[in-house]
């Protein structure tokens, strides 16, 4: 919980490390999801309603997987952008302090 009277302390290095972890999770998820989808697509369900439903289920599962992958990627990108913004703000503030003499 943030407190208005306390300064915000953010470590850009930690933001970048978290971004790396998020990308790692995305890669692990993507690999596991693709393997599971590959196995599911080879299922032999006969000719009944389950067999008829399989292609639609696989398409929905693929779309959901793509959304989760994008979610991880978007959050990793956001962490990196935040780290860059903090570093830019710090550098700009330091320059203005130096310019002020």
PDB file of N, CA and C in Angstrom:
ATOM      1  N   UNK A   1       0.845  -1.167   0.000  1.00  0.00           N
ATOM      2  CA  UNK A   1       0.000   0.000   0.000  1.00  0.00           C
ATOM      3  C   UNK A   1       0.894   1.235   0.000  1.00  0.00           C
ATOM      4  N   UNK A   2       0.609   2.185  -0.855  1.00  0.00           N
ATOM      5  CA  UNK A   2       1.439   3.385  -0.937  1.00  0.00           C
ATOM      6  C   UNK A   2       0.972   4.401   0.089  1.00  0.00           C
ATOM      7  N   UNK A   3       1.918   5.208   0.503  1.00  0.00           N
ATOM      8  CA  UNK A   3       1.641   6.270   1.470  1.00  0.00           C
ATOM      9  C   UNK A   3       2.084   7.585   0.845  1.00  0.00           C
ATOM     10  N   UNK A   4       1.205   8.580   0.775  1.00  0.00           N
ATOM     11  CA  UNK A   4       1.543   9.844   0.114  1.00  0.00           C
ATOM     12  C   UNK A   4       2.773  10.534   0.701  1.00  0.00           C
ATOM     13  N   UNK A   5       3.038  10.347   1.963  1.00  0.00           N
ATOM     14  CA  UNK A   5       4.157  11.036   2.587  1.00  0.00           C
ATOM     15  C   UNK A   5       5.496  10.324   2.378  1.00  0.00           C
ATOM     16  N   UNK A   6       5.487   9.110   1.845  1.00  0.00           N
ATOM     17  CA  UNK A   6       6.721   8.378   1.604  1.00  0.00           C
ATOM     18  C   UNK A   6       7.093   8.475   0.124  1.00  0.00           C
ATOM     19  N   UNK A   7       8.381   8.660  -0.166  1.00  0.00           N
ATOM     20  CA  UNK A   7       8.797   8.742  -1.580  1.00  0.00           C
ATOM     21  C   UNK A   7       8.651   7.374  -2.263  1.00  0.00           C
ATOM     22  N   UNK A   8       8.364   7.422  -3.532  1.00  0.00           N
ATOM     23  CA  UNK A   8       8.275   6.215  -4.333  1.00  0.00           C
ATOM     24  C   UNK A   8       9.685   5.737  -4.640  1.00  0.00           C
ATOM     25  N   UNK A   9       9.957   4.490  -4.319  1.00  0.00           N
ATOM     26  CA  UNK A   9      11.278   3.916  -4.595  1.00  0.00           C
ATOM     27  C   UNK A   9      11.100   2.787  -5.602  1.00  0.00           C
ATOM     28  N   UNK A  10      11.711   2.947  -6.745  1.00  0.00           N
ATOM     29  CA  UNK A  10      11.612   1.959  -7.810  1.00  0.00           C
ATOM     30  C   UNK A  10      13.008   1.649  -8.316  1.00  0.00           C
ATOM     31  N   UNK A  11      13.269   0.377  -8.457  1.00  0.00           N
ATOM     32  CA  UNK A  11      14.571  -0.067  -8.951  1.00  0.00           C
ATOM     33  C   UNK A  11      14.393  -0.549 -10.386  1.00  0.00           C
ATOM     34  N   UNK A  12      14.894   0.208 -11.363  1.00  0.00           N
ATOM     35  CA  UNK A  12      14.755  -0.214 -12.762  1.00  0.00           C
ATOM     36  C   UNK A  12      15.338  -1.597 -13.040  1.00  0.00           C
ATOM     37  N   UNK A  13      16.372  -1.974 -12.313  1.00  0.00           N
ATOM     38  CA  UNK A  13      16.967  -3.299 -12.501  1.00  0.00           C
ATOM     39  C   UNK A  13      15.962  -4.385 -12.120  1.00  0.00           C
ATOM     40  N   UNK A  14      15.237  -4.160 -11.029  1.00  0.00           N
ATOM     41  CA  UNK A  14      14.228  -5.135 -10.618  1.00  0.00           C
ATOM     42  C   UNK A  14      13.093  -5.205 -11.640  1.00  0.00           C
ATOM     43  N   UNK A  15      12.735  -4.061 -12.207  1.00  0.00           N
ATOM     44  CA  UNK A  15      11.702  -4.059 -13.246  1.00  0.00           C
ATOM     45  C   UNK A  15      12.151  -4.890 -14.445  1.00  0.00           C
ATOM     46  N   UNK A  16      13.415  -4.739 -14.830  1.00  0.00           N
ATOM     47  CA  UNK A  16      13.936  -5.513 -15.960  1.00  0.00           C
ATOM     48  C   UNK A  16      14.026  -7.008 -15.633  1.00  0.00           C
ATOM     49  N   UNK A  17      14.412  -7.328 -14.404  1.00  0.00           N
ATOM     50  CA  UNK A  17      14.467  -8.732 -13.995  1.00  0.00           C
ATOM     51  C   UNK A  17      13.066  -9.354 -14.014  1.00  0.00           C
ATOM     52  N   UNK A  18      12.086  -8.607 -13.564  1.00  0.00           N
ATOM     53  CA  UNK A  18      10.712  -9.099 -13.588  1.00  0.00           C
ATOM     54  C   UNK A  18      10.252  -9.287 -15.025  1.00  0.00           C
ATOM     55  N   UNK A  19      10.622  -8.375 -15.911  1.00  0.00           N
ATOM     56  CA  UNK A  19      10.285  -8.519 -17.332  1.00  0.00           C
ATOM     57  C   UNK A  19      10.896  -9.804 -17.899  1.00  0.00           C
ATOM     58  N   UNK A  20      12.135 -10.086 -17.529  1.00  0.00           N
ATOM     59  CA  UNK A  20      12.787 -11.317 -17.988  1.00  0.00           C
ATOM     60  C   UNK A  20      12.037 -12.548 -17.466  1.00  0.00           C
ATOM     61  N   UNK A  21      11.600 -12.507 -16.214  1.00  0.00           N
ATOM     62  CA  UNK A  21      10.848 -13.620 -15.639  1.00  0.00           C
ATOM     63  C   UNK A  21       9.515 -13.807 -16.367  1.00  0.00           C
ATOM     64  N   UNK A  22       8.841 -12.701 -16.649  1.00  0.00           N
ATOM     65  CA  UNK A  22       7.576 -12.789 -17.378  1.00  0.00           C
ATOM     66  C   UNK A  22       7.772 -13.402 -18.761  1.00  0.00           C
ATOM     67  N   UNK A  23       8.836 -13.002 -19.446  1.00  0.00           N
ATOM     68  CA  UNK A  23       9.124 -13.590 -20.751  1.00  0.00           C
ATOM     69  C   UNK A  23       9.463 -15.074 -20.625  1.00  0.00           C
ATOM     70  N   UNK A  24      10.149 -15.437 -19.557  1.00  0.00           N
ATOM     71  CA  UNK A  24      10.434 -16.852 -19.307  1.00  0.00           C
ATOM     72  C   UNK A  24       9.156 -17.644 -19.089  1.00  0.00           C
ATOM     73  N   UNK A  25       8.238 -17.080 -18.300  1.00  0.00           N
ATOM     74  CA  UNK A  25       6.945 -17.740 -18.081  1.00  0.00           C
ATOM     75  C   UNK A  25       6.182 -17.877 -19.397  1.00  0.00           C
ATOM     76  N   UNK A  26       6.248 -16.835 -20.215  1.00  0.00           N
ATOM     77  CA  UNK A  26       5.564 -16.869 -21.520  1.00  0.00           C
ATOM     78  C   UNK A  26       6.121 -18.000 -22.377  1.00  0.00           C
ATOM     79  N   UNK A  27       7.435 -18.128 -22.411  1.00  0.00           N
ATOM     80  CA  UNK A  27       8.057 -19.192 -23.200  1.00  0.00           C
ATOM     81  C   UNK A  27       7.686 -20.574 -22.690  1.00  0.00           C
ATOM     82  N   UNK A  28       7.706 -20.751 -21.372  1.00  0.00           N
ATOM     83  CA  UNK A  28       7.336 -22.042 -20.788  1.00  0.00           C
ATOM     84  C   UNK A  28       5.872 -22.358 -21.083  1.00  0.00           C
ATOM     85  N   UNK A  29       5.014 -21.362 -20.914  1.00  0.00           N
ATOM     86  CA  UNK A  29       3.591 -21.553 -21.202  1.00  0.00           C
ATOM     87  C   UNK A  29       3.386 -21.930 -22.662  1.00  0.00           C
ATOM     88  N   UNK A  30       4.019 -21.176 -23.553  1.00  0.00           N
ATOM     89  CA  UNK A  30       3.867 -21.401 -24.995  1.00  0.00           C
ATOM     90  C   UNK A  30       4.283 -22.824 -25.364  1.00  0.00           C
ATOM     91  N   UNK A  31       5.431 -23.262 -24.848  1.00  0.00           N
ATOM     92  CA  UNK A  31       5.937 -24.603 -25.149  1.00  0.00           C
ATOM     93  C   UNK A  31       4.989 -25.678 -24.632  1.00  0.00           C
ATOM     94  N   UNK A  32       4.557 -25.544 -23.386  1.00  0.00           N
ATOM     95  CA  UNK A  32       3.658 -26.541 -22.805  1.00  0.00           C
ATOM     96  C   UNK A  32       2.302 -26.540 -23.512  1.00  0.00           C
ATOM     97  N   UNK A  33       1.816 -25.357 -23.838  1.00  0.00           N
ATOM     98  CA  UNK A  33       0.519 -25.254 -24.502  1.00  0.00           C
ATOM     99  C   UNK A  33       0.573 -25.874 -25.898  1.00  0.00           C
ATOM    100  N   UNK A  34       1.632 -25.610 -26.632  1.00  0.00           N
ATOM    101  CA  UNK A  34       1.766 -26.180 -27.980  1.00  0.00           C
ATOM    102  C   UNK A  34       1.878 -27.702 -27.924  1.00  0.00           C
ATOM    103  N   UNK A  35       2.601 -28.205 -26.944  1.00  0.00           N
ATOM    104  CA  UNK A  35       2.743 -29.659 -26.811  1.00  0.00           C
ATOM    105  C   UNK A  35       1.397 -30.296 -26.469  1.00  0.00           C
ATOM    106  N   UNK A  36       0.669 -29.681 -25.558  1.00  0.00           N
ATOM    107  CA  UNK A  36      -0.643 -30.221 -25.187  1.00  0.00           C
ATOM    108  C   UNK A  36      -1.612 -30.156 -26.362  1.00  0.00           C
ATOM    109  N   UNK A  37      -1.577 -29.052 -27.091  1.00  0.00           N
ATOM    110  CA  UNK A  37      -2.465 -28.920 -28.241  1.00  0.00           C
ATOM    111  C   UNK A  37      -2.116 -29.945 -29.314  1.00  0.00           C
ATOM    112  N   UNK A  38      -0.853 -30.192 -29.506  1.00  0.00           N
ATOM    113  CA  UNK A  38      -0.430 -31.181 -30.490  1.00  0.00           C
ATOM    114  C   UNK A  38      -0.946 -32.568 -30.109  1.00  0.00           C
ATOM    115  N   UNK A  39      -0.820 -32.901 -28.824  1.00  0.00           N
ATOM    116  CA  UNK A  39      -1.323 -34.204 -28.373  1.00  0.00           C
ATOM    117  C   UNK A  39      -2.837 -34.286 -28.518  1.00  0.00           C
ATOM    118  N   UNK A  40      -3.539 -33.209 -28.149  1.00  0.00           N
ATOM    119  CA  UNK A  40      -5.004 -33.207 -28.230  1.00  0.00           C
ATOM    120  C   UNK A  40      -5.483 -33.305 -29.673  1.00  0.00           C
ATOM    121  N   UNK A  41      -4.745 -32.705 -30.584  1.00  0.00           N
ATOM    122  CA  UNK A  41      -5.179 -32.726 -31.989  1.00  0.00           C
ATOM    123  C   UNK A  41      -5.058 -34.115 -32.598  1.00  0.00           C
ATOM    124  N   UNK A  42      -4.316 -34.995 -31.958  1.00  0.00           N
ATOM    125  CA  UNK A  42      -4.135 -36.356 -32.468  1.00  0.00           C
ATOM    126  C   UNK A  42      -5.121 -37.339 -31.841  1.00  0.00           C
ATOM    127  N   UNK A  43      -6.016 -36.820 -31.003  1.00  0.00           N
ATOM    128  CA  UNK A  43      -6.986 -37.692 -30.337  1.00  0.00           C
ATOM    129  C   UNK A  43      -7.921 -38.314 -31.363  1.00  0.00           C
ATOM    130  N   UNK A  44      -8.205 -39.589 -31.167  1.00  0.00           N
ATOM    131  CA  UNK A  44      -9.141 -40.302 -32.041  1.00  0.00           C
ATOM    132  C   UNK A  44     -10.438 -40.480 -31.264  1.00  0.00           C
ATOM    133  N   UNK A  45     -11.428 -39.682 -31.606  1.00  0.00           N
ATOM    134  CA  UNK A  45     -12.674 -39.693 -30.847  1.00  0.00           C
ATOM    135  C   UNK A  45     -13.819 -40.372 -31.585  1.00  0.00           C
ATOM    136  N   UNK A  46     -13.551 -40.978 -32.681  1.00  0.00           N
ATOM    137  CA  UNK A  46     -14.616 -41.659 -33.420  1.00  0.00           C
ATOM    138  C   UNK A  46     -15.407 -40.686 -34.279  1.00  0.00           C
ATOM    139  N   UNK A  47     -16.686 -40.962 -34.452  1.00  0.00           N
ATOM    140  CA  UNK A  47     -17.495 -40.144 -35.346  1.00  0.00           C
ATOM    141  C   UNK A  47     -18.647 -39.445 -34.635  1.00  0.00           C
ATOM    142  N   UNK A  48     -18.686 -39.453 -33.330  1.00  0.00           N
ATOM    143  CA  UNK A  48     -19.789 -38.857 -32.591  1.00  0.00           C
ATOM    144  C   UNK A  48     -19.652 -37.361 -32.402  1.00  0.00           C
ATOM    145  N   UNK A  49     -20.453 -36.839 -31.495  1.00  0.00           N
ATOM    146  CA  UNK A  49     -20.466 -35.388 -31.260  1.00  0.00           C
ATOM    147  C   UNK A  49     -19.146 -34.896 -30.665  1.00  0.00           C
ATOM    148  N   UNK A  50     -18.455 -35.738 -29.899  1.00  0.00           N
ATOM    149  CA  UNK A  50     -17.155 -35.336 -29.353  1.00  0.00           C
ATOM    150  C   UNK A  50     -16.158 -35.109 -30.485  1.00  0.00           C
ATOM    151  N   UNK A  51     -16.169 -35.991 -31.468  1.00  0.00           N
ATOM    152  CA  UNK A  51     -15.266 -35.836 -32.610  1.00  0.00           C
ATOM    153  C   UNK A  51     -15.600 -34.589 -33.399  1.00  0.00           C
ATOM    154  N   UNK A  52     -16.877 -34.285 -33.511  1.00  0.00           N
ATOM    155  CA  UNK A  52     -17.296 -33.088 -34.244  1.00  0.00           C
ATOM    156  C   UNK A  52     -16.920 -31.817 -33.488  1.00  0.00           C
ATOM    157  N   UNK A  53     -16.891 -31.872 -32.181  1.00  0.00           N
ATOM    158  CA  UNK A  53     -16.591 -30.694 -31.368  1.00  0.00           C
ATOM    159  C   UNK A  53     -15.096 -30.420 -31.238  1.00  0.00           C
ATOM    160  N   UNK A  54     -14.268 -31.433 -31.484  1.00  0.00           N
ATOM    161  CA  UNK A  54     -12.822 -31.295 -31.269  1.00  0.00           C
ATOM    162  C   UNK A  54     -12.196 -30.151 -32.053  1.00  0.00           C
ATOM    163  N   UNK A  55     -12.434 -29.981 -33.336  1.00  0.00           N
ATOM    164  CA  UNK A  55     -11.785 -28.879 -34.063  1.00  0.00           C
ATOM    165  C   UNK A  55     -12.138 -27.495 -33.490  1.00  0.00           C
ATOM    166  N   UNK A  56     -13.387 -27.313 -33.103  1.00  0.00           N
ATOM    167  CA  UNK A  56     -13.797 -26.026 -32.526  1.00  0.00           C
ATOM    168  C   UNK A  56     -13.128 -25.799 -31.172  1.00  0.00           C
ATOM    169  N   UNK A  57     -13.051 -26.873 -30.375  1.00  0.00           N
ATOM    170  CA  UNK A  57     -12.391 -26.765 -29.077  1.00  0.00           C
ATOM    171  C   UNK A  57     -10.913 -26.424 -29.245  1.00  0.00           C
ATOM    172  N   UNK A  58     -10.262 -27.074 -30.198  1.00  0.00           N
ATOM    173  CA  UNK A  58      -8.847 -26.803 -30.438  1.00  0.00           C
ATOM    174  C   UNK A  58      -8.621 -25.372 -30.929  1.00  0.00           C
ATOM    175  N   UNK A  59      -9.515 -24.877 -31.783  1.00  0.00           N
ATOM    176  CA  UNK A  59      -9.385 -23.503 -32.272  1.00  0.00           C
ATOM    177  C   UNK A  59      -9.561 -22.511 -31.124  1.00  0.00           C
ATOM    178  N   UNK A  60     -10.526 -22.749 -30.260  1.00  0.00           N
ATOM    179  CA  UNK A  60     -10.736 -21.867 -29.104  1.00  0.00           C
ATOM    180  C   UNK A  60      -9.552 -21.936 -28.160  1.00  0.00           C
ATOM    181  N   UNK A  61      -9.020 -23.122 -27.960  1.00  0.00           N
ATOM    182  CA  UNK A  61      -7.879 -23.302 -27.077  1.00  0.00           C
ATOM    183  C   UNK A  61      -6.656 -22.580 -27.627  1.00  0.00           C
ATOM    184  N   UNK A  62      -6.483 -22.653 -28.945  1.00  0.00           N
ATOM    185  CA  UNK A  62      -5.363 -21.949 -29.583  1.00  0.00           C
ATOM    186  C   UNK A  62      -5.506 -20.435 -29.419  1.00  0.00           C
ATOM    187  N   UNK A  63      -6.715 -19.918 -29.587  1.00  0.00           N
ATOM    188  CA  UNK A  63      -6.955 -18.480 -29.423  1.00  0.00           C
ATOM    189  C   UNK A  63      -6.705 -18.048 -27.976  1.00  0.00           C
ATOM    190  N   UNK A  64      -7.152 -18.857 -27.026  1.00  0.00           N
ATOM    191  CA  UNK A  64      -6.911 -18.540 -25.613  1.00  0.00           C
ATOM    192  C   UNK A  64      -5.413 -18.547 -25.303  1.00  0.00           C
ATOM    193  N   UNK A  65      -4.705 -19.525 -25.856  1.00  0.00           N
ATOM    194  CA  UNK A  65      -3.259 -19.599 -25.644  1.00  0.00           C
ATOM    195  C   UNK A  65      -2.551 -18.378 -26.187  1.00  0.00           C
ATOM    196  N   UNK A  66      -2.975 -17.918 -27.356  1.00  0.00           N
ATOM    197  CA  UNK A  66      -2.380 -16.710 -27.946  1.00  0.00           C
ATOM    198  C   UNK A  66      -2.639 -15.495 -27.067  1.00  0.00           C
ATOM    199  N   UNK A  67      -3.831 -15.429 -26.485  1.00  0.00           N
ATOM    200  CA  UNK A  67      -4.148 -14.299 -25.586  1.00  0.00           C
ATOM    201  C   UNK A  67      -3.261 -14.328 -24.344  1.00  0.00           C
ATOM    202  N   UNK A  68      -3.076 -15.498 -23.748  1.00  0.00           N
ATOM    203  CA  UNK A  68      -2.225 -15.595 -22.565  1.00  0.00           C
ATOM    204  C   UNK A  68      -0.782 -15.233 -22.897  1.00  0.00           C
ATOM    205  N   UNK A  69      -0.307 -15.705 -24.039  1.00  0.00           N
ATOM    206  CA  UNK A  69       1.052 -15.390 -24.471  1.00  0.00           C
ATOM    207  C   UNK A  69       1.210 -13.878 -24.630  1.00  0.00           C
ATOM    208  N   UNK A  70       0.251 -13.237 -25.285  1.00  0.00           N
ATOM    209  CA  UNK A  70       0.292 -11.777 -25.472  1.00  0.00           C
ATOM    210  C   UNK A  70       0.223 -11.054 -24.131  1.00  0.00           C
ATOM    211  N   UNK A  71      -0.536 -11.603 -23.207  1.00  0.00           N
ATOM    212  CA  UNK A  71      -0.657 -11.005 -21.866  1.00  0.00           C
ATOM    213  C   UNK A  71       0.715 -10.967 -21.176  1.00  0.00           C
ATOM    214  N   UNK A  72       1.412 -12.091 -21.163  1.00  0.00           N
ATOM    215  CA  UNK A  72       2.756 -12.136 -20.578  1.00  0.00           C
ATOM    216  C   UNK A  72       3.683 -11.150 -21.287  1.00  0.00           C
ATOM    217  N   UNK A  73       3.662 -11.164 -22.605  1.00  0.00           N
ATOM    218  CA  UNK A  73       4.542 -10.313 -23.399  1.00  0.00           C
ATOM    219  C   UNK A  73       4.260  -8.836 -23.158  1.00  0.00           C
ATOM    220  N   UNK A  74       2.986  -8.472 -23.097  1.00  0.00           N
ATOM    221  CA  UNK A  74       2.598  -7.079 -22.870  1.00  0.00           C
ATOM    222  C   UNK A  74       3.071  -6.596 -21.491  1.00  0.00           C
ATOM    223  N   UNK A  75       2.939  -7.458 -20.478  1.00  0.00           N
ATOM    224  CA  UNK A  75       3.389  -7.061 -19.143  1.00  0.00           C
ATOM    225  C   UNK A  75       4.915  -6.947 -19.075  1.00  0.00           C
ATOM    226  N   UNK A  76       5.616  -7.833 -19.746  1.00  0.00           N
ATOM    227  CA  UNK A  76       7.085  -7.735 -19.790  1.00  0.00           C
ATOM    228  C   UNK A  76       7.495  -6.423 -20.452  1.00  0.00           C
ATOM    229  N   UNK A  77       6.851  -6.091 -21.564  1.00  0.00           N
ATOM    230  CA  UNK A  77       7.152  -4.835 -22.267  1.00  0.00           C
ATOM    231  C   UNK A  77       6.852  -3.635 -21.373  1.00  0.00           C
ATOM    232  N   UNK A  78       5.748  -3.679 -20.646  1.00  0.00           N
ATOM    233  CA  UNK A  78       5.393  -2.594 -19.735  1.00  0.00           C
ATOM    234  C   UNK A  78       6.432  -2.400 -18.636  1.00  0.00           C
ATOM    235  N   UNK A  79       6.957  -3.493 -18.110  1.00  0.00           N
ATOM    236  CA  UNK A  79       7.998  -3.385 -17.076  1.00  0.00           C
ATOM    237  C   UNK A  79       9.263  -2.742 -17.649  1.00  0.00           C
ATOM    238  N   UNK A  80       9.635  -3.140 -18.873  1.00  0.00           N
ATOM    239  CA  UNK A  80      10.833  -2.544 -19.492  1.00  0.00           C
ATOM    240  C   UNK A  80      10.613  -1.057 -19.787  1.00  0.00           C
ATOM    241  N   UNK A  81       9.443  -0.709 -20.270  1.00  0.00           N
ATOM    242  CA  UNK A  81       9.145   0.696 -20.561  1.00  0.00           C
ATOM    243  C   UNK A  81       9.159   1.520 -19.277  1.00  0.00           C
ATOM    244  N   UNK A  82       8.643   0.962 -18.186  1.00  0.00           N
ATOM    245  CA  UNK A  82       8.669   1.665 -16.907  1.00  0.00           C
ATOM    246  C   UNK A  82      10.107   1.872 -16.439  1.00  0.00           C
ATOM    247  N   UNK A  83      10.944   0.846 -16.582  1.00  0.00           N
ATOM    248  CA  UNK A  83      12.357   0.975 -16.192  1.00  0.00           C
ATOM    249  C   UNK A  83      13.024   2.079 -16.996  1.00  0.00           C
ATOM    250  N   UNK A  84      12.781   2.103 -18.304  1.00  0.00           N
ATOM    251  CA  UNK A  84      13.357   3.149 -19.155  1.00  0.00           C
ATOM    252  C   UNK A  84      12.860   4.533 -18.743  1.00  0.00           C
ATOM    253  N   UNK A  85      11.572   4.629 -18.409  1.00  0.00           N
ATOM    254  CA  UNK A  85      11.005   5.921 -18.018  1.00  0.00           C
ATOM    255  C   UNK A  85      11.619   6.409 -16.710  1.00  0.00           C
ATOM    256  N   UNK A  86      11.793   5.512 -15.741  1.00  0.00           N
ATOM    257  CA  UNK A  86      12.414   5.913 -14.475  1.00  0.00           C
ATOM    258  C   UNK A  86      13.853   6.379 -14.691  1.00  0.00           C
ATOM    259  N   UNK A  87      14.598   5.634 -15.518  1.00  0.00           N
ATOM    260  CA  UNK A  87      15.977   6.031 -15.788  1.00  0.00           C
ATOM    261  C   UNK A  87      16.024   7.376 -16.510  1.00  0.00           C
ATOM    262  N   UNK A  88      15.124   7.579 -17.463  1.00  0.00           N
ATOM    263  CA  UNK A  88      15.077   8.852 -18.181  1.00  0.00           C
ATOM    264  C   UNK A  88      14.728  10.011 -17.267  1.00  0.00           C
ATOM    265  N   UNK A  89      13.792   9.791 -16.378  1.00  0.00           N
ATOM    266  CA  UNK A  89      13.408  10.841 -15.423  1.00  0.00           C
ATOM    267  C   UNK A  89      14.571  11.167 -14.500  1.00  0.00           C
ATOM    268  N   UNK A  90      15.226  10.137 -13.990  1.00  0.00           N
ATOM    269  CA  UNK A  90      16.369  10.360 -13.106  1.00  0.00           C
ATOM    270  C   UNK A  90      17.477  11.118 -13.829  1.00  0.00           C
ATOM    271  N   UNK A  91      17.788  10.732 -15.048  1.00  0.00           N
ATOM    272  CA  UNK A  91      18.854  11.406 -15.799  1.00  0.00           C
ATOM    273  C   UNK A  91      18.474  12.847 -16.100  1.00  0.00           C
ATOM    274  N   UNK A  92      17.226  13.073 -16.496  1.00  0.00           N
ATOM    275  CA  UNK A  92      16.776  14.437 -16.779  1.00  0.00           C
ATOM    276  C   UNK A  92      16.795  15.312 -15.546  1.00  0.00           C
ATOM    277  N   UNK A  93      16.398  14.743 -14.417  1.00  0.00           N
ATOM    278  CA  UNK A  93      16.410  15.514 -13.168  1.00  0.00           C
ATOM    279  C   UNK A  93      17.837  15.834 -12.748  1.00  0.00           C
ATOM    280  N   UNK A  94      18.732  14.873 -12.917  1.00  0.00           N
ATOM    281  CA  UNK A  94      20.140  15.113 -12.569  1.00  0.00           C
ATOM    282  C   UNK A  94      20.714  16.215 -13.443  1.00  0.00           C
ATOM    283  N   UNK A  95      20.381  16.196 -14.725  1.00  0.00           N
ATOM    284  CA  UNK A  95      20.864  17.247 -15.633  1.00  0.00           C
ATOM    285  C   UNK A  95      20.349  18.621 -15.206  1.00  0.00           C
ATOM    286  N   UNK A  96      19.079  18.691 -14.840  1.00  0.00           N
ATOM    287  CA  UNK A  96      18.509  19.986 -14.424  1.00  0.00           C
ATOM    288  C   UNK A  96      19.144  20.477 -13.124  1.00  0.00           C
ATOM    289  N   UNK A  97      19.452  19.569 -12.226  1.00  0.00           N
ATOM    290  CA  UNK A  97      20.120  19.960 -10.975  1.00  0.00           C
ATOM    291  C   UNK A  97      21.518  20.486 -11.290  1.00  0.00           C
ATOM    292  N   UNK A  98      22.243  19.789 -12.155  1.00  0.00           N
ATOM    293  CA  UNK A  98      23.583  20.240 -12.537  1.00  0.00           C
ATOM    294  C   UNK A  98      23.537  21.593 -13.245  1.00  0.00           C
ATOM    295  N   UNK A  99      22.549  21.772 -14.109  1.00  0.00           N
ATOM    296  CA  UNK A  99      22.404  23.046 -14.832  1.00  0.00           C
ATOM    297  C   UNK A  99      22.089  24.192 -13.891  1.00  0.00           C
ATOM    298  N   UNK A 100      21.393  23.878 -12.800  1.00  0.00           N
ATOM    299  CA  UNK A 100      21.019  24.922 -11.847  1.00  0.00           C
ATOM    300  C   UNK A 100      22.235  25.396 -11.047  1.00  0.00           C
ATOM    301  N   UNK A 101      23.275  24.591 -11.047  1.00  0.00           N
ATOM    302  CA  UNK A 101      24.527  25.017 -10.442  1.00  0.00           C
ATOM    303  C   UNK A 101      24.617  24.700  -9.028  1.00  0.00           C
TER     304      UNK A 101
END
